Every structure is written in C-alpha cells, then in structure tokens.
C-alpha cells in the first residue's frame, strides 16, 4: 500500500486549510501527466487509499501526484 510521506501530506493539508491556489501535476489512468490549477478542497482516505478532492469535484489519489506548487512528490 502506498503512503505519502507525512511532511508532504501535511503540505496538502495546509494548502487545503488556507484555500491556497495550487498548480498540481498528476498521472491520469493512462499514465499521462496532467497539470491543473485550483484548490484542494478536502483530503480523504477510503479503503486504505489517500486522495485529495480538487476543485470540489475531482478525486486525485495522492499516489498519482507528481508535483504541487513546485514541490516534488515523487522523490
């Protein structure tokens, strides 16, 4: 099971709480890099999978996140 490093998860929580606009790069189901801008509106865990809710409607698994506001989430 994939678990995001605590410090990186904490950054996501701060972005969400402060309603900070972020630029986020993630991998979609086809393995393509997608870049989006907006707000992280919630962080959730279901069936052992951590995800963010982006712009109130898009669910992105934390394991698929590559970069948030210049912070590398894959290193």
Foldseek 3Di string as FASTA:
>chain_A
DDDFPPVVVVVLVVQQVVQPKKWWWFQDPVRDIDIDIGGFPAWDADPRWIWTQGPNHDTDTLVGTQDIRRDGRPD
